[in-house]
Amino acid sequence: MMEPVASPNHSEGEIFLKRRRIYGPDVRLIEKDGILLVEKTYRDRPLPVRVAGRLLIRWETFVYSKLSGIPGIPVLATSPDRYTITTTFMGGGNLRARARRTPDSRYFDELERLIDAVHERGVIHLDLRNRRNYGIDDMGRPYLVDFASSLYLPNKGLLWRLLRHIDLMGLAKLKAKVNPALIRPGERRAHALGRTLSRLWIPPRVLRFVRGWLSGILRRP
């Protein structure tokens, strides 16, 4: 049996792959016609979140369509409504939840080729600092998920060249965290730069406060 992408929360027989928040989507593992799929949906959220979620789902569906055919990218499946995106389940687990296997040099070589292939299609992920967005399947191969915050820049101009370095900083952070023996000097510099830039962004404590405040507002009758 394949392991869920993240540590699941069980509720009414469903397997949730991401902690449920009122301002975010439900992400759950489902089975359809004997095939395991990942369903990401805003259908049960309050109206303002549902409206914003519909736009995010449309965008992510568009991005996945641009990445079609790349090994290591989930395949779009039929979704039941406009608030939902459904993709194939890649197996294994993500690099934040899974502790049984340390990604080795082969994993990172394949991951670098995967990220290069994504960039060649004009897509910048923009959230590769988050280990939940990296998967390792049951054969030890990499995959990527969650393109909701990505950009599509098909012309690959100056902005594309600049922003792809954000993804590479995220990759450097990942390698430094899960297998620092493999990090190269250039990646070490990228990791240091990424840490410096992240300190200039919104502090995590402020983000937690904003999330808590939004949750309180949305839960009010």
N, C-alpha and C. Protein backbone atom coordinates (compact mmCIF):
# COMPACT_ATOMS: atom_id res chain seq x y z
N MET A 1 0.85 -1.20 0.00
CA MET A 1 0.00 0.00 0.00
C MET A 1 0.88 1.24 0.00
N MET A 2 0.60 2.18 -0.88
CA MET A 2 1.40 3.39 -0.97
C MET A 2 1.13 4.29 0.22
N GLU A 3 2.18 4.95 0.65
CA GLU A 3 2.07 5.84 1.80
C GLU A 3 1.55 7.20 1.36
N PRO A 4 0.62 7.84 2.13
CA PRO A 4 0.11 9.15 1.76
C PRO A 4 1.22 10.18 1.62
N VAL A 5 0.92 11.22 0.86
CA VAL A 5 1.89 12.27 0.58
C VAL A 5 2.32 12.99 1.85
N ALA A 6 1.46 13.11 2.81
CA ALA A 6 1.78 13.76 4.07
C ALA A 6 1.12 12.97 5.18
N SER A 7 1.52 13.26 6.42
CA SER A 7 0.91 12.56 7.54
C SER A 7 -0.59 12.81 7.55
N PRO A 8 -1.41 11.80 7.36
CA PRO A 8 -2.85 12.03 7.17
C PRO A 8 -3.58 12.27 8.47
N ASN A 9 -4.66 13.07 8.36
CA ASN A 9 -5.62 13.21 9.44
C ASN A 9 -6.87 12.47 8.99
N HIS A 10 -7.35 11.54 9.81
CA HIS A 10 -8.50 10.74 9.42
C HIS A 10 -9.77 11.42 9.92
N SER A 11 -10.76 11.55 9.04
CA SER A 11 -12.04 12.16 9.40
C SER A 11 -13.12 11.51 8.57
N GLU A 12 -14.04 10.83 9.25
CA GLU A 12 -15.18 10.20 8.60
C GLU A 12 -14.74 9.30 7.44
N GLY A 13 -13.70 8.51 7.68
CA GLY A 13 -13.25 7.55 6.69
C GLY A 13 -12.38 8.11 5.60
N GLU A 14 -12.13 9.43 5.58
CA GLU A 14 -11.30 10.03 4.56
C GLU A 14 -9.87 10.19 5.08
N ILE A 15 -8.93 10.23 4.15
CA ILE A 15 -7.53 10.43 4.51
C ILE A 15 -7.12 11.82 4.05
N PHE A 16 -6.92 12.70 5.00
CA PHE A 16 -6.52 14.06 4.68
C PHE A 16 -5.00 14.13 4.65
N LEU A 17 -4.46 14.72 3.59
CA LEU A 17 -3.02 14.78 3.39
C LEU A 17 -2.42 16.10 3.87
N LYS A 18 -3.27 17.04 4.23
CA LYS A 18 -2.79 18.33 4.69
C LYS A 18 -3.70 18.80 5.80
N ARG A 19 -3.10 19.42 6.83
CA ARG A 19 -3.89 19.89 7.95
C ARG A 19 -4.98 20.84 7.48
N ARG A 20 -6.19 20.62 7.96
CA ARG A 20 -7.32 21.39 7.48
C ARG A 20 -7.34 22.78 8.13
N ARG A 21 -7.37 23.81 7.29
CA ARG A 21 -7.49 25.19 7.76
C ARG A 21 -8.65 25.82 7.03
N ILE A 22 -9.37 26.69 7.72
CA ILE A 22 -10.58 27.25 7.15
C ILE A 22 -10.28 28.15 5.96
N TYR A 23 -9.06 28.71 5.88
CA TYR A 23 -8.73 29.60 4.78
C TYR A 23 -7.99 28.87 3.65
N GLY A 24 -7.77 27.58 3.80
CA GLY A 24 -7.07 26.81 2.79
C GLY A 24 -7.89 25.64 2.30
N PRO A 25 -7.37 24.89 1.33
CA PRO A 25 -8.13 23.77 0.77
C PRO A 25 -8.04 22.52 1.62
N ASP A 26 -9.01 21.63 1.44
CA ASP A 26 -8.85 20.25 1.90
C ASP A 26 -8.04 19.51 0.85
N VAL A 27 -7.05 18.75 1.29
CA VAL A 27 -6.27 17.91 0.38
C VAL A 27 -6.37 16.49 0.91
N ARG A 28 -6.96 15.61 0.11
CA ARG A 28 -7.22 14.26 0.60
C ARG A 28 -6.94 13.22 -0.46
N LEU A 29 -6.68 12.03 0.03
CA LEU A 29 -6.45 10.88 -0.83
C LEU A 29 -7.78 10.18 -1.06
N ILE A 30 -8.12 9.96 -2.33
CA ILE A 30 -9.37 9.29 -2.67
C ILE A 30 -9.08 8.13 -3.63
N GLU A 31 -10.03 7.23 -3.75
CA GLU A 31 -9.90 6.13 -4.70
C GLU A 31 -11.06 6.17 -5.68
N LYS A 32 -10.74 6.07 -6.97
CA LYS A 32 -11.77 6.08 -8.01
C LYS A 32 -11.42 5.03 -9.05
N ASP A 33 -12.32 4.09 -9.25
CA ASP A 33 -12.10 3.00 -10.21
C ASP A 33 -10.80 2.26 -9.93
N GLY A 34 -10.49 2.09 -8.64
CA GLY A 34 -9.29 1.35 -8.25
C GLY A 34 -8.00 2.14 -8.35
N ILE A 35 -8.09 3.45 -8.65
CA ILE A 35 -6.90 4.29 -8.80
C ILE A 35 -6.87 5.31 -7.67
N LEU A 36 -5.71 5.46 -7.04
CA LEU A 36 -5.55 6.45 -5.98
C LEU A 36 -5.29 7.82 -6.59
N LEU A 37 -6.06 8.80 -6.13
CA LEU A 37 -5.95 10.17 -6.62
C LEU A 37 -5.82 11.12 -5.44
N VAL A 38 -5.30 12.31 -5.71
CA VAL A 38 -5.23 13.37 -4.72
C VAL A 38 -6.24 14.45 -5.12
N GLU A 39 -7.15 14.77 -4.21
CA GLU A 39 -8.17 15.79 -4.46
C GLU A 39 -7.89 17.00 -3.58
N LYS A 40 -7.78 18.13 -4.22
CA LYS A 40 -7.56 19.41 -3.52
C LYS A 40 -8.78 20.27 -3.79
N THR A 41 -9.52 20.65 -2.73
CA THR A 41 -10.81 21.30 -2.96
C THR A 41 -11.10 22.39 -1.94
N TYR A 42 -11.80 23.42 -2.42
CA TYR A 42 -12.30 24.51 -1.58
C TYR A 42 -13.82 24.44 -1.44
N ARG A 43 -14.47 23.36 -1.87
CA ARG A 43 -15.93 23.33 -1.97
C ARG A 43 -16.63 23.52 -0.63
N ASP A 44 -15.99 23.15 0.48
CA ASP A 44 -16.64 23.25 1.78
C ASP A 44 -16.20 24.47 2.57
N ARG A 45 -15.60 25.43 1.91
CA ARG A 45 -15.10 26.62 2.60
C ARG A 45 -16.14 27.74 2.56
N PRO A 46 -16.00 28.75 3.45
CA PRO A 46 -16.90 29.92 3.40
C PRO A 46 -16.80 30.60 2.03
N LEU A 47 -17.83 31.35 1.67
CA LEU A 47 -17.94 31.92 0.33
C LEU A 47 -16.70 32.70 -0.11
N PRO A 48 -16.15 33.63 0.71
CA PRO A 48 -14.98 34.38 0.23
C PRO A 48 -13.80 33.47 -0.10
N VAL A 49 -13.57 32.45 0.72
CA VAL A 49 -12.47 31.52 0.47
C VAL A 49 -12.77 30.67 -0.75
N ARG A 50 -14.05 30.29 -0.90
CA ARG A 50 -14.44 29.47 -2.04
C ARG A 50 -14.24 30.22 -3.36
N VAL A 51 -14.58 31.51 -3.37
CA VAL A 51 -14.40 32.31 -4.59
C VAL A 51 -12.92 32.43 -4.94
N ALA A 52 -12.10 32.77 -3.94
CA ALA A 52 -10.66 32.86 -4.19
C ALA A 52 -10.09 31.51 -4.57
N GLY A 53 -10.59 30.46 -3.92
CA GLY A 53 -10.11 29.11 -4.20
C GLY A 53 -10.41 28.69 -5.63
N ARG A 54 -11.56 29.10 -6.13
CA ARG A 54 -11.90 28.75 -7.52
C ARG A 54 -10.86 29.31 -8.48
N LEU A 55 -10.42 30.55 -8.24
CA LEU A 55 -9.39 31.15 -9.10
C LEU A 55 -8.07 30.41 -8.98
N LEU A 56 -7.70 30.04 -7.76
CA LEU A 56 -6.46 29.30 -7.55
C LEU A 56 -6.51 27.94 -8.23
N ILE A 57 -7.66 27.28 -8.15
CA ILE A 57 -7.80 25.96 -8.79
C ILE A 57 -7.68 26.10 -10.31
N ARG A 58 -8.31 27.12 -10.87
CA ARG A 58 -8.20 27.33 -12.32
C ARG A 58 -6.75 27.56 -12.73
N TRP A 59 -6.06 28.36 -11.94
CA TRP A 59 -4.67 28.65 -12.27
C TRP A 59 -3.81 27.39 -12.16
N GLU A 60 -3.96 26.64 -11.08
CA GLU A 60 -3.14 25.45 -10.90
C GLU A 60 -3.44 24.41 -11.97
N THR A 61 -4.70 24.28 -12.36
CA THR A 61 -5.06 23.37 -13.44
C THR A 61 -4.37 23.77 -14.74
N PHE A 62 -4.35 25.07 -15.01
CA PHE A 62 -3.67 25.59 -16.20
C PHE A 62 -2.17 25.24 -16.17
N VAL A 63 -1.54 25.45 -15.02
CA VAL A 63 -0.10 25.18 -14.91
C VAL A 63 0.18 23.70 -15.10
N TYR A 64 -0.61 22.85 -14.47
CA TYR A 64 -0.41 21.40 -14.66
C TYR A 64 -0.54 21.01 -16.13
N SER A 65 -1.45 21.66 -16.84
CA SER A 65 -1.61 21.35 -18.26
C SER A 65 -0.34 21.73 -19.04
N LYS A 66 0.34 22.76 -18.63
CA LYS A 66 1.57 23.17 -19.29
C LYS A 66 2.73 22.22 -18.98
N LEU A 67 2.62 21.48 -17.89
CA LEU A 67 3.68 20.55 -17.49
C LEU A 67 3.37 19.11 -17.88
N SER A 68 2.30 18.92 -18.62
CA SER A 68 1.87 17.57 -18.99
C SER A 68 2.99 16.81 -19.69
N GLY A 69 3.17 15.56 -19.26
CA GLY A 69 4.14 14.68 -19.90
C GLY A 69 5.51 14.65 -19.25
N ILE A 70 5.75 15.53 -18.28
CA ILE A 70 7.04 15.53 -17.59
C ILE A 70 7.02 14.47 -16.49
N PRO A 71 7.93 13.49 -16.53
CA PRO A 71 8.00 12.51 -15.43
C PRO A 71 8.28 13.22 -14.10
N GLY A 72 7.53 12.84 -13.07
CA GLY A 72 7.70 13.49 -11.77
C GLY A 72 6.70 14.60 -11.52
N ILE A 73 5.78 14.82 -12.47
CA ILE A 73 4.69 15.79 -12.29
C ILE A 73 3.38 15.02 -12.30
N PRO A 74 2.53 15.19 -11.28
CA PRO A 74 1.24 14.49 -11.28
C PRO A 74 0.42 14.82 -12.52
N VAL A 75 -0.41 13.85 -12.91
CA VAL A 75 -1.25 14.00 -14.10
C VAL A 75 -2.64 14.44 -13.68
N LEU A 76 -3.20 15.39 -14.41
CA LEU A 76 -4.56 15.85 -14.12
C LEU A 76 -5.57 14.74 -14.36
N ALA A 77 -6.54 14.63 -13.46
CA ALA A 77 -7.67 13.71 -13.62
C ALA A 77 -8.95 14.53 -13.62
N THR A 78 -10.06 13.90 -13.94
CA THR A 78 -11.35 14.59 -13.97
C THR A 78 -11.74 15.05 -12.57
N SER A 79 -12.14 16.31 -12.46
CA SER A 79 -12.56 16.87 -11.17
C SER A 79 -14.07 17.02 -11.12
N PRO A 80 -14.66 16.88 -9.93
CA PRO A 80 -16.12 16.88 -9.82
C PRO A 80 -16.76 18.26 -9.91
N ASP A 81 -16.00 19.33 -9.65
CA ASP A 81 -16.59 20.67 -9.67
C ASP A 81 -15.49 21.70 -9.88
N ARG A 82 -15.88 22.96 -10.00
CA ARG A 82 -14.92 24.02 -10.33
C ARG A 82 -14.09 24.47 -9.13
N TYR A 83 -14.39 23.96 -7.96
CA TYR A 83 -13.63 24.31 -6.77
C TYR A 83 -12.55 23.27 -6.45
N THR A 84 -12.36 22.31 -7.34
CA THR A 84 -11.54 21.14 -7.05
C THR A 84 -10.57 20.85 -8.18
N ILE A 85 -9.36 20.44 -7.81
CA ILE A 85 -8.40 19.90 -8.77
C ILE A 85 -8.04 18.49 -8.30
N THR A 86 -8.03 17.57 -9.24
CA THR A 86 -7.72 16.17 -8.93
C THR A 86 -6.53 15.73 -9.78
N THR A 87 -5.56 15.10 -9.13
CA THR A 87 -4.36 14.63 -9.82
C THR A 87 -4.03 13.21 -9.38
N THR A 88 -3.20 12.55 -10.16
CA THR A 88 -2.76 11.21 -9.79
C THR A 88 -1.92 11.27 -8.52
N PHE A 89 -2.05 10.22 -7.72
CA PHE A 89 -1.24 10.07 -6.50
C PHE A 89 0.08 9.42 -6.88
N MET A 90 1.18 10.07 -6.52
CA MET A 90 2.51 9.63 -6.96
C MET A 90 3.13 8.59 -6.04
N GLY A 91 2.50 8.34 -4.89
CA GLY A 91 3.03 7.33 -3.97
C GLY A 91 4.09 7.90 -3.04
N GLY A 92 4.63 7.03 -2.20
CA GLY A 92 5.70 7.44 -1.28
C GLY A 92 5.24 8.49 -0.30
N GLY A 93 6.03 9.54 -0.13
CA GLY A 93 5.70 10.58 0.82
C GLY A 93 6.46 11.84 0.51
N ASN A 94 6.15 12.92 1.23
CA ASN A 94 6.90 14.15 0.98
C ASN A 94 8.12 14.22 1.90
N LEU A 95 9.01 15.13 1.62
CA LEU A 95 10.29 15.16 2.32
C LEU A 95 10.20 15.82 3.69
N ARG A 96 9.05 16.32 4.04
CA ARG A 96 8.88 16.79 5.43
C ARG A 96 8.33 15.68 6.30
N ALA A 97 7.43 14.86 5.74
CA ALA A 97 6.76 13.83 6.53
C ALA A 97 7.51 12.51 6.54
N ARG A 98 8.24 12.20 5.50
CA ARG A 98 8.82 10.87 5.35
C ARG A 98 10.23 10.84 5.93
N ALA A 99 10.49 9.93 6.89
CA ALA A 99 11.79 9.84 7.53
C ALA A 99 12.49 8.52 7.27
N ARG A 100 11.84 7.60 6.53
CA ARG A 100 12.42 6.28 6.34
C ARG A 100 13.61 6.27 5.38
N ARG A 101 13.62 7.18 4.45
CA ARG A 101 14.64 7.15 3.40
C ARG A 101 15.24 8.53 3.22
N THR A 102 16.56 8.64 3.33
CA THR A 102 17.24 9.90 3.08
C THR A 102 17.51 10.03 1.59
N PRO A 103 17.07 11.10 0.96
CA PRO A 103 17.32 11.27 -0.47
C PRO A 103 18.83 11.24 -0.76
N ASP A 104 19.22 10.43 -1.74
CA ASP A 104 20.64 10.28 -2.06
C ASP A 104 21.00 11.10 -3.28
N SER A 105 22.24 10.93 -3.76
CA SER A 105 22.72 11.74 -4.89
C SER A 105 21.90 11.46 -6.15
N ARG A 106 21.45 10.21 -6.33
CA ARG A 106 20.63 9.91 -7.50
C ARG A 106 19.32 10.68 -7.45
N TYR A 107 18.71 10.73 -6.26
CA TYR A 107 17.47 11.49 -6.10
C TYR A 107 17.68 12.95 -6.51
N PHE A 108 18.75 13.57 -6.00
CA PHE A 108 18.96 14.99 -6.28
C PHE A 108 19.35 15.22 -7.73
N ASP A 109 20.07 14.32 -8.35
CA ASP A 109 20.37 14.46 -9.78
C ASP A 109 19.08 14.46 -10.59
N GLU A 110 18.18 13.53 -10.28
CA GLU A 110 16.90 13.46 -10.99
C GLU A 110 16.03 14.68 -10.67
N LEU A 111 16.09 15.14 -9.40
CA LEU A 111 15.30 16.30 -9.01
C LEU A 111 15.76 17.54 -9.76
N GLU A 112 17.06 17.72 -9.91
CA GLU A 112 17.57 18.87 -10.64
C GLU A 112 17.10 18.84 -12.10
N ARG A 113 17.10 17.64 -12.70
CA ARG A 113 16.62 17.53 -14.08
C ARG A 113 15.12 17.82 -14.15
N LEU A 114 14.39 17.40 -13.13
CA LEU A 114 12.94 17.66 -13.10
C LEU A 114 12.68 19.16 -13.01
N ILE A 115 13.37 19.85 -12.12
CA ILE A 115 13.18 21.29 -11.97
C ILE A 115 13.58 22.01 -13.26
N ASP A 116 14.67 21.57 -13.89
CA ASP A 116 15.07 22.16 -15.18
C ASP A 116 13.97 21.98 -16.22
N ALA A 117 13.35 20.80 -16.24
CA ALA A 117 12.28 20.53 -17.22
C ALA A 117 11.07 21.43 -16.97
N VAL A 118 10.75 21.65 -15.69
CA VAL A 118 9.65 22.55 -15.33
C VAL A 118 9.97 23.97 -15.80
N HIS A 119 11.19 24.42 -15.54
CA HIS A 119 11.59 25.77 -15.96
C HIS A 119 11.57 25.90 -17.48
N GLU A 120 11.98 24.85 -18.17
CA GLU A 120 11.98 24.91 -19.64
C GLU A 120 10.58 25.07 -20.21
N ARG A 121 9.57 24.63 -19.48
CA ARG A 121 8.18 24.83 -19.91
C ARG A 121 7.68 26.23 -19.56
N GLY A 122 8.54 27.05 -18.95
CA GLY A 122 8.16 28.40 -18.59
C GLY A 122 7.54 28.55 -17.23
N VAL A 123 7.56 27.50 -16.42
CA VAL A 123 6.91 27.53 -15.09
C VAL A 123 7.97 27.72 -14.00
N ILE A 124 7.72 28.69 -13.14
CA ILE A 124 8.53 28.90 -11.93
C ILE A 124 7.67 28.52 -10.74
N HIS A 125 8.13 27.58 -9.93
CA HIS A 125 7.29 27.04 -8.84
C HIS A 125 7.06 28.08 -7.75
N LEU A 126 8.13 28.70 -7.27
CA LEU A 126 8.11 29.76 -6.26
C LEU A 126 7.85 29.28 -4.83
N ASP A 127 7.69 27.99 -4.61
CA ASP A 127 7.51 27.51 -3.22
C ASP A 127 8.34 26.25 -3.00
N LEU A 128 9.55 26.25 -3.51
CA LEU A 128 10.41 25.08 -3.34
C LEU A 128 11.25 25.14 -2.08
N ARG A 129 11.00 26.13 -1.24
CA ARG A 129 11.62 26.13 0.10
C ARG A 129 10.82 25.22 1.04
N ASN A 130 9.63 24.84 0.63
CA ASN A 130 8.74 24.04 1.46
C ASN A 130 8.95 22.56 1.14
N ARG A 131 9.42 21.79 2.12
CA ARG A 131 9.71 20.37 1.88
C ARG A 131 8.47 19.55 1.57
N ARG A 132 7.29 20.06 1.92
CA ARG A 132 6.06 19.33 1.59
C ARG A 132 5.83 19.25 0.08
N ASN A 133 6.44 20.13 -0.67
CA ASN A 133 6.21 20.16 -2.11
C ASN A 133 7.15 19.24 -2.89
N TYR A 134 8.05 18.59 -2.18
CA TYR A 134 8.93 17.59 -2.79
C TYR A 134 8.46 16.20 -2.38
N GLY A 135 8.30 15.32 -3.35
CA GLY A 135 7.94 13.95 -3.03
C GLY A 135 9.08 12.99 -3.34
N ILE A 136 9.04 11.84 -2.69
CA ILE A 136 9.92 10.73 -3.02
C ILE A 136 9.04 9.49 -3.11
N ASP A 137 9.00 8.89 -4.30
CA ASP A 137 8.06 7.79 -4.49
C ASP A 137 8.64 6.48 -3.94
N ASP A 138 7.92 5.39 -4.14
CA ASP A 138 8.32 4.12 -3.55
C ASP A 138 9.60 3.55 -4.18
N MET A 139 10.01 4.09 -5.31
CA MET A 139 11.26 3.67 -5.96
C MET A 139 12.39 4.65 -5.68
N GLY A 140 12.12 5.65 -4.83
CA GLY A 140 13.15 6.62 -4.49
C GLY A 140 13.29 7.76 -5.49
N ARG A 141 12.33 7.91 -6.40
CA ARG A 141 12.40 8.94 -7.42
C ARG A 141 11.67 10.20 -6.96
N PRO A 142 12.12 11.39 -7.44
CA PRO A 142 11.49 12.65 -7.00
C PRO A 142 10.24 13.00 -7.78
N TYR A 143 9.39 13.78 -7.15
CA TYR A 143 8.29 14.43 -7.85
C TYR A 143 7.98 15.75 -7.15
N LEU A 144 7.24 16.61 -7.84
CA LEU A 144 6.88 17.93 -7.33
C LEU A 144 5.37 18.08 -7.31
N VAL A 145 4.85 18.80 -6.31
CA VAL A 145 3.42 19.06 -6.21
C VAL A 145 3.19 20.51 -5.83
N ASP A 146 1.92 20.92 -5.87
CA ASP A 146 1.43 22.21 -5.40
C ASP A 146 2.00 23.38 -6.21
N PHE A 147 1.36 23.64 -7.34
CA PHE A 147 1.77 24.72 -8.22
C PHE A 147 0.83 25.93 -8.13
N ALA A 148 0.10 26.04 -7.02
CA ALA A 148 -0.89 27.12 -6.89
C ALA A 148 -0.24 28.50 -6.89
N SER A 149 0.97 28.62 -6.38
CA SER A 149 1.63 29.93 -6.30
C SER A 149 2.66 30.13 -7.41
N SER A 150 2.64 29.26 -8.40
CA SER A 150 3.65 29.33 -9.46
C SER A 150 3.34 30.44 -10.46
N LEU A 151 4.33 30.73 -11.31
CA LEU A 151 4.18 31.67 -12.41
C LEU A 151 4.44 30.96 -13.72
N TYR A 152 3.80 31.46 -14.77
CA TYR A 152 4.04 30.93 -16.11
C TYR A 152 4.63 32.04 -16.95
N LEU A 153 5.88 31.88 -17.35
CA LEU A 153 6.62 32.89 -18.11
C LEU A 153 7.20 32.24 -19.36
N PRO A 154 6.38 32.05 -20.39
CA PRO A 154 6.82 31.27 -21.55
C PRO A 154 7.93 31.92 -22.35
N ASN A 155 8.11 33.26 -22.24
CA ASN A 155 9.14 33.93 -23.04
C ASN A 155 10.54 33.75 -22.47
N LYS A 156 10.62 33.34 -21.20
CA LYS A 156 11.91 33.06 -20.55
C LYS A 156 12.89 34.24 -20.68
N GLY A 157 12.39 35.40 -20.38
CA GLY A 157 13.21 36.60 -20.43
C GLY A 157 13.93 36.86 -19.12
N LEU A 158 14.23 38.14 -18.86
CA LEU A 158 14.98 38.51 -17.67
C LEU A 158 14.26 38.10 -16.40
N LEU A 159 12.94 38.34 -16.33
CA LEU A 159 12.20 37.98 -15.13
C LEU A 159 12.26 36.47 -14.88
N TRP A 160 12.11 35.68 -15.93
CA TRP A 160 12.23 34.22 -15.80
C TRP A 160 13.60 33.84 -15.25
N ARG A 161 14.65 34.46 -15.78
CA ARG A 161 16.01 34.12 -15.33
C ARG A 161 16.22 34.50 -13.88
N LEU A 162 15.63 35.62 -13.47
CA LEU A 162 15.77 36.03 -12.07
C LEU A 162 14.99 35.12 -11.13
N LEU A 163 13.73 34.83 -11.50
CA LEU A 163 12.86 34.08 -10.58
C LEU A 163 13.24 32.61 -10.49
N ARG A 164 13.83 32.05 -11.53
CA ARG A 164 14.22 30.65 -11.44
C ARG A 164 15.26 30.45 -10.34
N HIS A 165 16.00 31.53 -10.02
CA HIS A 165 16.98 31.42 -8.94
C HIS A 165 16.29 31.27 -7.58
N ILE A 166 15.05 31.76 -7.47
CA ILE A 166 14.31 31.53 -6.22
C ILE A 166 14.06 30.04 -6.04
N ASP A 167 13.68 29.37 -7.12
CA ASP A 167 13.50 27.91 -7.05
C ASP A 167 14.81 27.22 -6.70
N LEU A 168 15.91 27.67 -7.28
CA LEU A 168 17.20 27.03 -7.02
C LEU A 168 17.66 27.27 -5.58
N MET A 169 17.30 28.43 -5.03
CA MET A 169 17.57 28.67 -3.60
C MET A 169 16.77 27.70 -2.75
N GLY A 170 15.52 27.45 -3.15
CA GLY A 170 14.71 26.48 -2.42
C GLY A 170 15.32 25.09 -2.48
N LEU A 171 15.82 24.71 -3.64
CA LEU A 171 16.47 23.40 -3.78
C LEU A 171 17.72 23.33 -2.90
N ALA A 172 18.49 24.41 -2.86
CA ALA A 172 19.68 24.43 -2.01
C ALA A 172 19.32 24.29 -0.53
N LYS A 173 18.22 24.95 -0.13
CA LYS A 173 17.76 24.82 1.25
C LYS A 173 17.38 23.38 1.56
N LEU A 174 16.67 22.75 0.63
CA LEU A 174 16.27 21.36 0.82
C LEU A 174 17.48 20.46 1.00
N LYS A 175 18.45 20.60 0.11
CA LYS A 175 19.63 19.73 0.18
C LYS A 175 20.40 19.96 1.49
N ALA A 176 20.51 21.23 1.91
CA ALA A 176 21.20 21.54 3.16
C ALA A 176 20.49 20.93 4.36
N LYS A 177 19.17 20.78 4.25
CA LYS A 177 18.39 20.26 5.37
C LYS A 177 18.41 18.74 5.43
N VAL A 178 18.21 18.08 4.29
CA VAL A 178 17.98 16.63 4.33
C VAL A 178 19.24 15.81 4.03
N ASN A 179 20.21 16.38 3.31
CA ASN A 179 21.46 15.66 3.05
C ASN A 179 22.57 16.66 2.78
N PRO A 180 23.03 17.36 3.83
CA PRO A 180 24.01 18.44 3.64
C PRO A 180 25.34 17.99 3.07
N ALA A 181 25.66 16.69 3.16
CA ALA A 181 26.92 16.21 2.61
C ALA A 181 26.97 16.36 1.09
N LEU A 182 25.81 16.49 0.45
CA LEU A 182 25.75 16.56 -1.00
C LEU A 182 25.77 17.99 -1.55
N ILE A 183 25.68 18.98 -0.67
CA ILE A 183 25.56 20.36 -1.15
C ILE A 183 26.88 20.84 -1.74
N ARG A 184 26.79 21.48 -2.90
CA ARG A 184 27.97 21.99 -3.60
C ARG A 184 28.23 23.43 -3.19
N PRO A 185 29.47 23.95 -3.43
CA PRO A 185 29.79 25.32 -2.99
C PRO A 185 28.81 26.37 -3.53
N GLY A 186 28.45 26.27 -4.81
CA GLY A 186 27.50 27.23 -5.36
C GLY A 186 26.13 27.15 -4.69
N GLU A 187 25.71 25.93 -4.36
CA GLU A 187 24.44 25.75 -3.67
C GLU A 187 24.52 26.28 -2.24
N ARG A 188 25.70 26.16 -1.64
CA ARG A 188 25.86 26.70 -0.28
C ARG A 188 25.69 28.22 -0.29
N ARG A 189 26.24 28.85 -1.32
CA ARG A 189 26.09 30.30 -1.44
C ARG A 189 24.63 30.67 -1.71
N ALA A 190 23.97 29.88 -2.55
CA ALA A 190 22.55 30.13 -2.83
C ALA A 190 21.71 29.97 -1.57
N HIS A 191 22.04 28.97 -0.77
CA HIS A 191 21.31 28.75 0.48
C HIS A 191 21.50 29.93 1.43
N ALA A 192 22.74 30.42 1.54
CA ALA A 192 23.01 31.57 2.41
C ALA A 192 22.26 32.81 1.93
N LEU A 193 22.23 33.02 0.62
CA LEU A 193 21.50 34.16 0.08
C LEU A 193 20.00 34.01 0.34
N GLY A 194 19.49 32.81 0.17
CA GLY A 194 18.08 32.57 0.43
C GLY A 194 17.71 32.84 1.88
N ARG A 195 18.56 32.45 2.80
CA ARG A 195 18.29 32.71 4.23
C ARG A 195 18.28 34.21 4.50
N THR A 196 19.21 34.94 3.87
CA THR A 196 19.25 36.39 4.06
C THR A 196 17.98 37.05 3.53
N LEU A 197 17.56 36.64 2.34
CA LEU A 197 16.35 37.23 1.75
C LEU A 197 15.11 36.88 2.55
N SER A 198 15.06 35.67 3.11
CA SER A 198 13.87 35.26 3.86
C SER A 198 13.71 36.10 5.13
N ARG A 199 14.82 36.58 5.68
CA ARG A 199 14.73 37.42 6.88
C ARG A 199 14.11 38.78 6.56
N LEU A 200 14.19 39.17 5.29
CA LEU A 200 13.61 40.45 4.88
C LEU A 200 12.12 40.33 4.59
N TRP A 201 11.61 39.10 4.53
CA TRP A 201 10.22 38.84 4.23
C TRP A 201 9.42 38.88 5.53
N ILE A 202 8.13 38.59 5.46
CA ILE A 202 7.28 38.66 6.66
C ILE A 202 7.72 37.60 7.66
N PRO A 203 8.02 37.97 8.90
CA PRO A 203 8.46 36.99 9.91
C PRO A 203 7.39 35.93 10.15
N PRO A 204 7.79 34.68 10.42
CA PRO A 204 6.82 33.60 10.66
C PRO A 204 5.82 33.92 11.76
N ARG A 205 6.26 34.63 12.81
CA ARG A 205 5.35 34.94 13.91
C ARG A 205 4.21 35.83 13.42
N VAL A 206 4.52 36.78 12.53
CA VAL A 206 3.49 37.65 11.98
C VAL A 206 2.54 36.85 11.09
N LEU A 207 3.09 35.94 10.29
CA LEU A 207 2.25 35.10 9.44
C LEU A 207 1.29 34.26 10.27
N ARG A 208 1.79 33.69 11.38
CA ARG A 208 0.93 32.88 12.25
C ARG A 208 -0.19 33.73 12.84
N PHE A 209 0.14 34.97 13.22
CA PHE A 209 -0.88 35.86 13.78
C PHE A 209 -1.96 36.16 12.73
N VAL A 210 -1.52 36.47 11.50
CA VAL A 210 -2.48 36.78 10.42
C VAL A 210 -3.37 35.58 10.13
N ARG A 211 -2.77 34.38 10.08
CA ARG A 211 -3.55 33.17 9.82
C ARG A 211 -4.59 32.94 10.92
N GLY A 212 -4.16 33.13 12.18
CA GLY A 212 -5.10 32.96 13.29
C GLY A 212 -6.22 33.97 13.24
N TRP A 213 -5.87 35.21 12.90
CA TRP A 213 -6.89 36.27 12.80
C TRP A 213 -7.89 35.94 11.70
N LEU A 214 -7.39 35.52 10.52
CA LEU A 214 -8.28 35.17 9.42
C LEU A 214 -9.19 34.00 9.79
N SER A 215 -8.63 33.00 10.47
CA SER A 215 -9.44 31.86 10.87
C SER A 215 -10.58 32.29 11.77
N GLY A 216 -10.27 33.19 12.72
CA GLY A 216 -11.31 33.69 13.62
C GLY A 216 -12.40 34.43 12.89
N ILE A 217 -12.01 35.29 11.92
CA ILE A 217 -13.00 36.05 11.15
C ILE A 217 -13.89 35.11 10.35
N LEU A 218 -13.30 34.12 9.70
CA LEU A 218 -14.06 33.24 8.81
C LEU A 218 -14.98 32.29 9.56
N ARG A 219 -14.64 32.03 10.84
CA ARG A 219 -15.48 31.11 11.62
C ARG A 219 -16.67 31.80 12.27
N ARG A 220 -16.70 33.13 12.23
CA ARG A 220 -17.81 33.83 12.85
C ARG A 220 -19.10 33.56 12.10
N PRO A 221 -20.20 33.39 12.81
CA PRO A 221 -21.48 33.13 12.14
C PRO A 221 -21.95 34.34 11.34
